[in-house]
């Protein structure tokens, strides 16, 4: 990926960083807002990201994050490279998916210790469709001016991504 720190930054560069980090980083921090208006953050292990950057998470229907979604369906998932030189923050709406076939497809066998009935009971999926993505990637030069003081950001409108300067 060729770097860009100026006005020639393209949405594809931001999306490439987000794709790489969501693919290569095994864990993220998922942030939600509770009914008490406190920000709640927790480490999550998402499933492999969809080509359109949709994120999938498995959880218990009785978890705090599910209660948070009932209050405010907006969430942010943040991924950081192992060396700390890049991050991607994906924000969007979360919907719940309780379809048994999808739960079985998006299941990790090592989660049986948390969900003894497996994906068939006590397990639900969260599907997050991002509509805003922020990234900084110093190693690949994706850092708008002033260098690294603000992230490169894109927003999705009508299915198209565009650079935004409101970061």
Foldseek 3Di string as FASTA:
>chain_A
DAADAEPPDWPVVLVVLLLVQLQPFQKWWKWFAAPVRDIDIDIFGWDRADPQRKIKGKDFCPDRVVNRCVVPQKMKIKGADPVRQKIKIFIFGKDKDLDLVVLVVPFDPVCCVVVVVGSPPRMIMIIGRGFKMWMGHVVNHQAYPVGNPGTFMWGADPRDIDTDDPD
